[in-house]
Amino acid sequence: MHPYFSFVAKIGRLEFALTTLGAGFLSSCVSICCDTSYYNSYTGQWEEGPLDPLAGIIALLLLVGLVYWQVLTCCKRLNDVHRSRWMVLWCLVPLANFVLWLYLCLKPGILSQQNAQCQPLRDNPDIETH
């Protein structure tokens, strides 16, 4: 299975933050595009217009896909910080989802620790170079 669709893969902090912010932006765009309210200048009030059923179905499919993408991204990041993927259920709790998002954005994971340990040979004090 490709790593983009795998729940057992790992991602770093930057990729997690950019992916979740991007998915949030896309879901906002879908919601705005499906908004059918308009300002009636004759009555001076906002009114609801009819929504095309096909547009509603397409928007629903897009939003379900974005939710799946968000859950998948959170699971990958939870793998990287050695936490249970069941913690993704905290995303359903108001305010706790924001705390979880901040934790996953700020907590260094395995990927960042591995990158920090990979020093070039010339910078490693344990190895003598002549």
Protein backbone atom coordinates (compact mmCIF):
# COMPACT_ATOMS: atom_id res chain seq x y z
CA MET A 1 0.00 0.00 0.00
CA HIS A 2 1.24 3.49 -0.81
CA PRO A 3 2.43 5.46 2.26
CA TYR A 4 -0.12 8.21 1.56
CA PHE A 5 -2.97 5.78 2.31
CA SER A 6 -1.32 3.79 5.10
CA PHE A 7 -2.32 4.15 8.75
CA VAL A 8 1.02 2.74 9.94
CA ALA A 9 3.27 5.29 8.22
CA LYS A 10 4.87 8.21 10.08
CA ILE A 11 5.03 11.91 9.27
CA GLY A 12 6.88 14.82 10.84
CA ARG A 13 5.59 17.94 12.53
CA LEU A 14 5.80 20.27 9.52
CA GLU A 15 4.06 17.86 7.16
CA PHE A 16 1.35 17.26 9.78
CA ALA A 17 0.74 20.97 10.36
CA LEU A 18 0.67 21.83 6.64
CA THR A 19 -1.57 18.87 5.78
CA THR A 20 -4.12 19.58 8.50
CA LEU A 21 -4.21 23.31 7.75
CA GLY A 22 -4.60 22.55 4.05
CA ALA A 23 -7.47 20.15 4.69
CA GLY A 24 -9.14 22.73 6.93
CA PHE A 25 -8.79 25.36 4.20
CA LEU A 26 -10.25 23.00 1.58
CA SER A 27 -13.21 22.08 3.80
CA SER A 28 -13.89 25.78 4.37
CA CYS A 29 -13.82 26.37 0.61
CA VAL A 30 -16.29 23.51 0.03
CA SER A 31 -18.60 24.93 2.72
CA ILE A 32 -18.46 28.41 1.22
CA CYS A 33 -19.16 27.10 -2.27
CA CYS A 34 -22.26 25.26 -1.01
CA ASP A 35 -23.62 28.25 0.84
CA THR A 36 -26.81 29.30 -0.91
CA SER A 37 -27.72 32.31 1.20
CA TYR A 38 -27.93 35.64 -0.53
CA TYR A 39 -28.83 39.20 0.37
CA ASN A 40 -32.23 40.30 -0.89
CA SER A 41 -31.98 44.02 -1.51
CA TYR A 42 -35.77 44.41 -1.69
CA THR A 43 -36.45 43.03 1.80
CA GLY A 44 -33.08 43.96 3.28
CA GLN A 45 -32.60 40.44 4.72
CA TRP A 46 -30.49 37.37 4.09
CA GLU A 47 -32.46 34.54 2.48
CA GLU A 48 -31.77 30.91 1.68
CA GLY A 49 -31.85 29.77 -1.92
CA PRO A 50 -32.26 26.26 -3.28
CA LEU A 51 -29.24 23.93 -3.32
CA ASP A 52 -28.66 21.80 -6.38
CA PRO A 53 -28.83 18.14 -5.25
CA LEU A 54 -25.80 17.17 -7.33
CA ALA A 55 -23.74 19.94 -5.72
CA GLY A 56 -24.81 18.71 -2.28
CA ILE A 57 -23.75 15.14 -3.08
CA ILE A 58 -20.39 16.27 -4.45
CA ALA A 59 -19.80 18.47 -1.38
CA LEU A 60 -20.71 15.61 0.95
CA LEU A 61 -18.27 13.26 -0.80
CA LEU A 62 -15.52 15.88 -0.67
CA LEU A 63 -16.07 16.53 3.03
CA VAL A 64 -16.09 12.80 3.87
CA GLY A 65 -12.83 12.44 1.94
CA LEU A 66 -11.30 15.37 3.83
CA VAL A 67 -12.34 13.90 7.19
CA TYR A 68 -10.73 10.59 6.19
CA TRP A 69 -7.58 12.49 5.18
CA GLN A 70 -7.49 14.30 8.54
CA VAL A 71 -7.92 11.06 10.53
CA LEU A 72 -5.23 9.37 8.43
CA THR A 73 -2.83 12.28 8.98
CA CYS A 74 -3.45 12.31 12.75
CA CYS A 75 -2.86 8.54 12.94
CA LYS A 76 0.45 8.90 11.10
CA ARG A 77 1.59 11.63 13.45
CA LEU A 78 0.50 9.64 16.51
CA ASN A 79 2.63 6.77 15.21
CA ASP A 80 5.60 9.12 15.02
CA VAL A 81 5.26 10.24 18.65
CA HIS A 82 4.62 6.68 19.93
CA ARG A 83 1.03 7.23 20.99
CA SER A 84 -1.99 5.02 20.38
CA ARG A 85 -3.96 5.74 17.22
CA TRP A 86 -7.08 5.60 19.39
CA MET A 87 -6.13 9.10 20.58
CA VAL A 88 -7.50 10.34 17.26
CA LEU A 89 -10.94 10.08 18.91
CA TRP A 90 -10.02 13.20 20.92
CA CYS A 91 -10.61 15.09 17.66
CA LEU A 92 -14.33 14.64 18.29
CA VAL A 93 -14.21 16.55 21.58
CA PRO A 94 -14.36 20.36 21.35
CA LEU A 95 -11.23 22.12 22.64
CA ALA A 96 -9.52 18.75 23.18
CA ASN A 97 -9.06 18.52 19.41
CA PHE A 98 -7.17 21.81 19.43
CA VAL A 99 -5.00 20.66 22.36
CA LEU A 100 -4.24 17.40 20.51
CA TRP A 101 -3.39 19.33 17.35
CA LEU A 102 -0.98 21.61 19.28
CA TYR A 103 0.59 18.59 20.98
CA LEU A 104 1.13 16.84 17.65
CA CYS A 105 2.55 20.00 16.07
CA LEU A 106 5.01 20.67 18.90
CA LYS A 107 6.10 17.20 20.12
CA PRO A 108 9.27 15.97 18.41
CA GLY A 109 8.85 12.48 17.06
CA ILE A 110 11.01 9.64 15.86
CA LEU A 111 11.64 11.24 12.47
CA SER A 112 13.10 14.43 13.97
CA GLN A 113 15.20 12.45 16.47
CA GLN A 114 16.61 10.28 13.69
CA ASN A 115 17.48 13.36 11.65
CA ALA A 116 19.22 14.93 14.66
CA GLN A 117 21.37 11.82 15.15
CA CYS A 118 22.53 11.77 11.53
CA GLN A 119 25.57 14.04 11.71
CA PRO A 120 28.08 14.32 8.91
CA LEU A 121 31.40 12.57 9.59
CA ARG A 122 33.39 15.80 9.64
CA ASP A 123 31.18 17.20 12.44
CA ASN A 124 31.23 14.05 14.58
CA PRO A 125 33.78 14.43 17.43
CA ASP A 126 34.00 10.64 17.93
CA ILE A 127 35.55 10.05 14.52
CA GLU A 128 39.06 11.25 13.76
CA THR A 129 39.63 12.63 10.33
CA HIS A 130 43.10 13.31 8.96
